[in-house]
Amino acid sequence: MNWTEWISIDRLINGVQSAIVLLVGIPLLILVSRWIGSVVEKNYTPQSAMLVRKGIFYFGLVLLVIVELQHLGFKITALLGAAGVAGVAIGFASQTSLSNLISGIFLIFEKPFEVGDVIGVGDTTGTVLSIDLLSVKLRQFDNKFVRIPNESVIKGQVTNVTRFPIRRYDITLGVAFKEDIKRVIGILKDVASNNIYCLDEPEPIILFTGFGDSALTILFAVWFQKADFLALRNSLLPELKERFDREGIEIPFPHRTLYTGTVTTPLPIRMVQDSSDNVATPN
């Protein structure tokens, strides 16, 4: 066996060893990153656990690739130099990605929301699935997946719906001008006290806000646990309608009054028989 055959066999052995290391190392790296992430999640937030898990996996993957390249005989110094030059060129060509990366770092340290929160970004509302270095991923209530660049999140207005344990649900009501406001307020207090999802503390807010075009307007605001939003909304609105109907409280529709001067009487309506088709029409 000549020396060229020995070199070929040696390369083959190195290649098989590298393949075995990768096949064993990558699954092991996944298991270790998941285990450390689960430990972090017990003491910190799911967002911190996710970042630690991804950081360990990618850092370990880079080290594994470097070791394998060195084992195969590649000069790591030359590769790192070429990677640095390429990184500078790619950095100039991908300024948007760099902006998203910096914005992602700000989001991670500022923590305006966490994984599992319901947030609104512009016209988009959904549950936060992940907060990555380049984007925030949401799942909307109709199960649509939305990816929002971190730069858009930083520059825009973000509403965290579930940041606090309790929320307030505001309902604007209108009742007829003939209704007794004190009686209506008493009915609203009774409806809130009988609803199992309305909190007694803080107390419901009931304000007579003014005179509308066709109704007296009232703000009816109740507090509830954030997990009970749908249950509260689906129960409170029907209860209000049923109670108003039972108590004879009129919820008016828009009215229009016609007048001919400062002092007017109701306009008369006279029915005229149309001789052509025998249809009575108002005149």
Protein backbone atom coordinates (compact mmCIF):
# COMPACT_ATOMS: atom_id res chain seq x y z
CA MET A 1 0.00 0.00 0.00
CA ASN A 2 1.58 3.28 -1.09
CA TRP A 3 1.45 6.62 0.73
CA THR A 4 -1.41 8.06 -1.39
CA GLU A 5 -3.61 5.16 -0.33
CA TRP A 6 -2.76 5.82 3.33
CA ILE A 7 -3.72 9.47 2.91
CA SER A 8 -7.04 8.51 1.35
CA ILE A 9 -7.77 6.04 4.17
CA ASP A 10 -6.78 8.65 6.75
CA ARG A 11 -9.13 11.21 5.22
CA LEU A 12 -11.91 8.65 5.11
CA ILE A 13 -11.41 7.82 8.78
CA ASN A 14 -11.41 11.54 9.68
CA GLY A 15 -14.57 12.08 7.68
CA VAL A 16 -16.34 9.17 9.41
CA GLN A 17 -15.22 10.42 12.82
CA SER A 18 -16.48 13.93 12.04
CA ALA A 19 -19.83 12.58 10.89
CA ILE A 20 -20.18 10.51 14.06
CA VAL A 21 -19.31 13.51 16.23
CA LEU A 22 -21.93 15.64 14.47
CA LEU A 23 -24.59 12.94 14.63
CA VAL A 24 -23.99 12.50 18.36
CA GLY A 25 -23.05 16.07 19.26
CA ILE A 26 -26.04 17.92 17.77
CA PRO A 27 -28.76 15.80 19.52
CA LEU A 28 -26.73 15.98 22.74
CA LEU A 29 -26.49 19.76 22.35
CA ILE A 30 -30.28 19.97 21.87
CA LEU A 31 -30.90 17.91 25.02
CA VAL A 32 -28.47 19.99 27.12
CA SER A 33 -29.93 23.32 25.92
CA ARG A 34 -33.48 22.13 26.65
CA TRP A 35 -32.53 20.88 30.09
CA ILE A 36 -30.82 24.14 31.04
CA GLY A 37 -33.78 26.07 29.60
CA SER A 38 -36.22 24.12 31.78
CA VAL A 39 -34.10 24.87 34.86
CA VAL A 40 -34.05 28.59 34.01
CA GLU A 41 -37.82 28.61 33.37
CA LYS A 42 -38.50 27.39 36.93
CA ASN A 43 -36.78 30.46 38.41
CA TYR A 44 -37.30 33.06 35.69
CA THR A 45 -39.70 33.86 32.86
CA PRO A 46 -40.39 31.65 29.79
CA GLN A 47 -38.82 34.39 27.67
CA SER A 48 -35.52 34.15 29.59
CA ALA A 49 -35.57 30.36 29.31
CA MET A 50 -36.13 30.55 25.55
CA LEU A 51 -33.24 32.99 25.07
CA VAL A 52 -30.89 30.88 27.20
CA ARG A 53 -31.90 27.73 25.33
CA LYS A 54 -31.28 29.27 21.90
CA GLY A 55 -28.06 30.96 23.02
CA ILE A 56 -26.57 27.72 24.34
CA PHE A 57 -27.58 25.77 21.24
CA TYR A 58 -26.18 28.22 18.68
CA PHE A 59 -22.99 28.87 20.67
CA GLY A 60 -22.39 25.14 21.07
CA LEU A 61 -23.15 24.55 17.39
CA VAL A 62 -20.56 27.14 16.34
CA LEU A 63 -17.93 25.55 18.61
CA LEU A 64 -18.77 22.10 17.27
CA VAL A 65 -18.40 23.23 13.66
CA ILE A 66 -15.07 24.94 14.42
CA VAL A 67 -13.70 21.80 16.10
CA GLU A 68 -14.82 19.63 13.21
CA LEU A 69 -13.25 21.92 10.61
CA GLN A 70 -10.00 21.94 12.54
CA HIS A 71 -10.13 18.16 12.79
CA LEU A 72 -10.53 17.91 9.00
CA GLY A 73 -7.42 20.02 8.47
CA PHE A 74 -8.88 23.44 7.67
CA LYS A 75 -6.98 26.51 8.86
CA ILE A 76 -9.36 28.19 11.30
CA THR A 77 -7.43 31.47 11.31
CA ALA A 78 -7.89 31.92 7.58
CA LEU A 79 -11.56 30.98 7.83
CA LEU A 80 -12.15 33.47 10.66
CA GLY A 81 -10.43 36.21 8.67
CA ALA A 82 -12.57 35.51 5.62
CA ALA A 83 -15.65 35.39 7.83
CA GLY A 84 -14.76 38.80 9.29
CA VAL A 85 -14.44 40.40 5.86
CA ALA A 86 -17.68 38.77 4.74
CA GLY A 87 -19.37 39.91 7.96
CA VAL A 88 -18.47 43.54 7.28
CA ALA A 89 -19.82 43.33 3.73
CA ILE A 90 -23.00 41.62 4.87
CA GLY A 91 -23.41 44.20 7.63
CA PHE A 92 -23.46 47.07 5.15
CA ALA A 93 -25.86 45.17 2.92
CA SER A 94 -28.27 44.29 5.73
CA GLN A 95 -28.75 47.48 7.72
CA THR A 96 -32.43 46.62 8.31
CA SER A 97 -31.49 43.32 9.93
CA LEU A 98 -28.93 45.11 12.09
CA SER A 99 -31.59 47.62 13.17
CA ASN A 100 -33.93 44.75 14.05
CA LEU A 101 -31.13 43.06 15.99
CA ILE A 102 -30.43 46.17 18.08
CA SER A 103 -34.18 46.67 18.63
CA GLY A 104 -34.46 43.05 19.76
CA ILE A 105 -31.75 43.60 22.37
CA PHE A 106 -33.67 46.62 23.69
CA LEU A 107 -36.88 44.57 23.86
CA ILE A 108 -35.16 41.79 25.77
CA PHE A 109 -33.76 44.13 28.42
CA GLU A 110 -36.71 46.54 28.61
CA LYS A 111 -39.30 43.71 28.87
CA PRO A 112 -42.46 45.60 27.84
CA PHE A 113 -44.07 42.17 27.35
CA GLU A 114 -43.24 38.51 27.79
CA VAL A 115 -44.04 35.21 26.12
CA GLY A 116 -47.72 34.43 26.71
CA ASP A 117 -48.87 38.08 26.97
CA VAL A 118 -51.61 39.41 24.71
CA ILE A 119 -50.33 42.55 22.99
CA GLY A 120 -51.48 44.95 20.31
CA VAL A 121 -49.00 46.39 17.80
CA GLY A 122 -50.77 48.82 15.50
CA ASP A 123 -53.82 47.03 14.12
CA THR A 124 -52.48 43.57 15.05
CA THR A 125 -53.42 41.86 18.32
CA GLY A 126 -52.35 38.41 19.44
CA THR A 127 -50.56 36.20 21.95
CA VAL A 128 -46.75 36.44 22.05
CA LEU A 129 -45.20 33.15 20.94
CA SER A 130 -41.55 34.21 20.98
CA ILE A 131 -39.33 37.26 21.24
CA ASP A 132 -36.33 36.72 18.99
CA LEU A 133 -33.40 38.94 18.09
CA LEU A 134 -34.95 39.93 14.74
CA SER A 135 -38.70 39.70 15.24
CA VAL A 136 -41.62 39.14 17.58
CA LYS A 137 -43.96 36.28 16.65
CA LEU A 138 -47.66 36.45 17.51
CA ARG A 139 -50.61 34.11 17.23
CA GLN A 140 -53.86 35.96 16.56
CA PHE A 141 -57.16 34.87 18.06
CA ASP A 142 -58.24 33.33 14.75
CA ASN A 143 -55.04 31.21 14.86
CA LYS A 144 -53.10 33.22 12.29
CA PHE A 145 -49.34 33.49 12.66
CA VAL A 146 -47.88 37.01 12.51
CA ARG A 147 -44.20 37.98 12.43
CA ILE A 148 -43.46 41.61 13.34
CA PRO A 149 -39.92 43.04 12.89
CA ASN A 150 -38.44 44.30 16.14
CA GLU A 151 -37.81 47.74 14.63
CA SER A 152 -41.56 48.17 14.02
CA VAL A 153 -42.29 47.18 17.62
CA ILE A 154 -39.76 49.65 19.02
CA LYS A 155 -40.93 52.54 16.81
CA GLY A 156 -44.66 51.94 17.19
CA GLN A 157 -47.13 51.93 20.06
CA VAL A 158 -47.45 48.61 21.89
CA THR A 159 -50.43 47.80 24.13
CA ASN A 160 -49.96 45.00 26.64
CA VAL A 161 -53.49 43.76 27.32
CA THR A 162 -52.61 41.18 29.97
CA ARG A 163 -49.76 42.90 31.83
CA PHE A 164 -51.80 43.39 35.02
CA PRO A 165 -53.89 40.74 36.82
CA ILE A 166 -57.17 42.66 36.52
CA ARG A 167 -58.74 44.71 33.73
CA ARG A 168 -61.69 47.07 33.29
CA TYR A 169 -64.50 46.58 30.79
CA ASP A 170 -66.24 49.81 29.73
CA ILE A 171 -69.80 49.90 28.38
CA THR A 172 -71.42 53.12 27.14
CA LEU A 173 -75.18 52.97 27.64
CA GLY A 174 -77.98 55.22 26.49
CA VAL A 175 -81.42 55.48 28.13
CA ALA A 176 -84.45 57.56 27.19
CA PHE A 177 -84.75 61.12 28.50
CA LYS A 178 -87.85 60.15 30.49
CA GLU A 179 -85.96 57.62 32.66
CA ASP A 180 -84.98 58.29 36.28
CA ILE A 181 -81.15 58.39 36.35
CA LYS A 182 -80.94 57.36 40.02
CA ARG A 183 -83.12 54.32 39.34
CA VAL A 184 -81.03 53.33 36.31
CA ILE A 185 -77.80 53.63 38.33
CA GLY A 186 -79.29 51.43 41.05
CA ILE A 187 -80.20 48.79 38.48
CA LEU A 188 -76.68 48.84 37.03
CA LYS A 189 -75.17 48.38 40.49
CA ASP A 190 -77.46 45.41 41.10
CA VAL A 191 -76.55 43.80 37.76
CA ALA A 192 -72.83 44.16 38.53
CA SER A 193 -73.19 42.72 42.05
CA ASN A 194 -75.08 39.66 40.73
CA ASN A 195 -72.55 38.87 37.96
CA ILE A 196 -70.00 36.35 39.22
CA TYR A 197 -67.22 37.74 37.01
CA CYS A 198 -67.51 41.38 38.19
CA LEU A 199 -65.14 42.21 41.03
CA ASP A 200 -66.45 43.92 44.15
CA GLU A 201 -63.07 45.57 44.66
CA PRO A 202 -62.33 47.83 42.84
CA GLU A 203 -65.97 48.87 42.71
CA PRO A 204 -67.81 49.30 39.39
CA ILE A 205 -67.71 52.82 37.97
CA ILE A 206 -71.07 54.28 36.93
CA LEU A 207 -71.03 57.84 35.57
CA PHE A 208 -73.80 59.94 34.03
CA THR A 209 -71.75 61.43 31.22
CA GLY A 210 -74.20 63.79 29.52
CA PHE A 211 -77.05 64.40 27.12
CA GLY A 212 -76.77 62.72 23.75
CA ASP A 213 -78.76 63.39 20.59
CA SER A 214 -81.41 60.84 21.53
CA ALA A 215 -80.47 59.52 24.96
CA LEU A 216 -78.96 60.14 28.37
CA THR A 217 -75.48 58.58 28.20
CA ILE A 218 -74.00 56.55 31.06
CA LEU A 219 -70.56 54.96 31.46
CA PHE A 220 -70.79 51.52 33.07
CA ALA A 221 -67.30 50.13 33.86
CA VAL A 222 -66.63 46.92 35.77
CA TRP A 223 -63.39 45.24 36.88
CA PHE A 224 -62.61 41.57 36.28
CA GLN A 225 -59.82 39.00 36.31
CA LYS A 226 -57.98 39.09 32.98
CA ALA A 227 -58.71 35.41 32.28
CA ASP A 228 -62.49 36.03 32.53
CA PHE A 229 -62.85 38.55 29.69
CA LEU A 230 -64.91 36.43 27.30
CA ALA A 231 -67.05 34.97 30.09
CA LEU A 232 -67.78 38.45 31.46
CA ARG A 233 -68.65 39.94 28.09
CA ASN A 234 -70.89 37.03 27.08
CA SER A 235 -72.81 37.19 30.37
CA LEU A 236 -72.96 40.88 31.28
CA LEU A 237 -74.42 42.28 28.05
CA PRO A 238 -77.38 39.84 27.90
CA GLU A 239 -78.04 40.42 31.61
CA LEU A 240 -78.21 44.18 31.04
CA LYS A 241 -80.67 43.77 28.16
CA GLU A 242 -82.89 41.34 30.09
CA ARG A 243 -82.89 43.52 33.22
CA PHE A 244 -83.73 46.70 31.30
CA ASP A 245 -86.58 44.91 29.54
CA ARG A 246 -87.93 43.60 32.85
CA GLU A 247 -87.70 47.01 34.53
CA GLY A 248 -89.19 48.84 31.53
CA ILE A 249 -86.04 50.93 30.91
CA GLU A 250 -86.10 52.20 27.34
CA ILE A 251 -82.91 51.99 25.29
CA PRO A 252 -83.74 54.57 22.60
CA PHE A 253 -82.87 54.64 18.94
CA PRO A 254 -82.04 57.96 17.22
CA HIS A 255 -85.05 60.34 17.07
CA ARG A 256 -85.69 63.22 14.70
CA THR A 257 -88.16 66.03 15.34
CA LEU A 258 -89.62 68.16 12.53
CA TYR A 259 -90.74 71.68 13.31
CA THR A 260 -91.84 74.72 11.33
CA GLY A 261 -91.02 77.52 13.75
CA THR A 262 -90.52 78.47 17.36
CA VAL A 263 -93.98 77.24 18.27
CA THR A 264 -95.19 74.29 16.30
CA THR A 265 -97.91 71.69 16.40
CA PRO A 266 -97.69 68.13 15.13
CA LEU A 267 -97.65 68.02 11.37
CA PRO A 268 -100.92 66.62 9.99
CA ILE A 269 -100.90 63.64 7.64
CA ARG A 270 -103.80 63.23 5.23
CA MET A 271 -104.36 60.02 3.28
CA VAL A 272 -105.26 60.54 -0.39
CA GLN A 273 -106.75 57.81 -2.55
CA ASP A 274 -104.92 57.47 -5.88
CA SER A 275 -107.59 56.74 -8.48
CA SER A 276 -105.10 55.23 -10.98
CA ASP A 277 -104.03 52.18 -8.94
CA ASN A 278 -106.30 52.53 -5.86
CA VAL A 279 -103.32 52.84 -3.53
CA ALA A 280 -103.57 55.21 -0.56
CA THR A 281 -100.55 57.50 -0.33
CA PRO A 282 -99.68 60.13 2.30
CA ASN A 283 -99.89 63.73 1.21
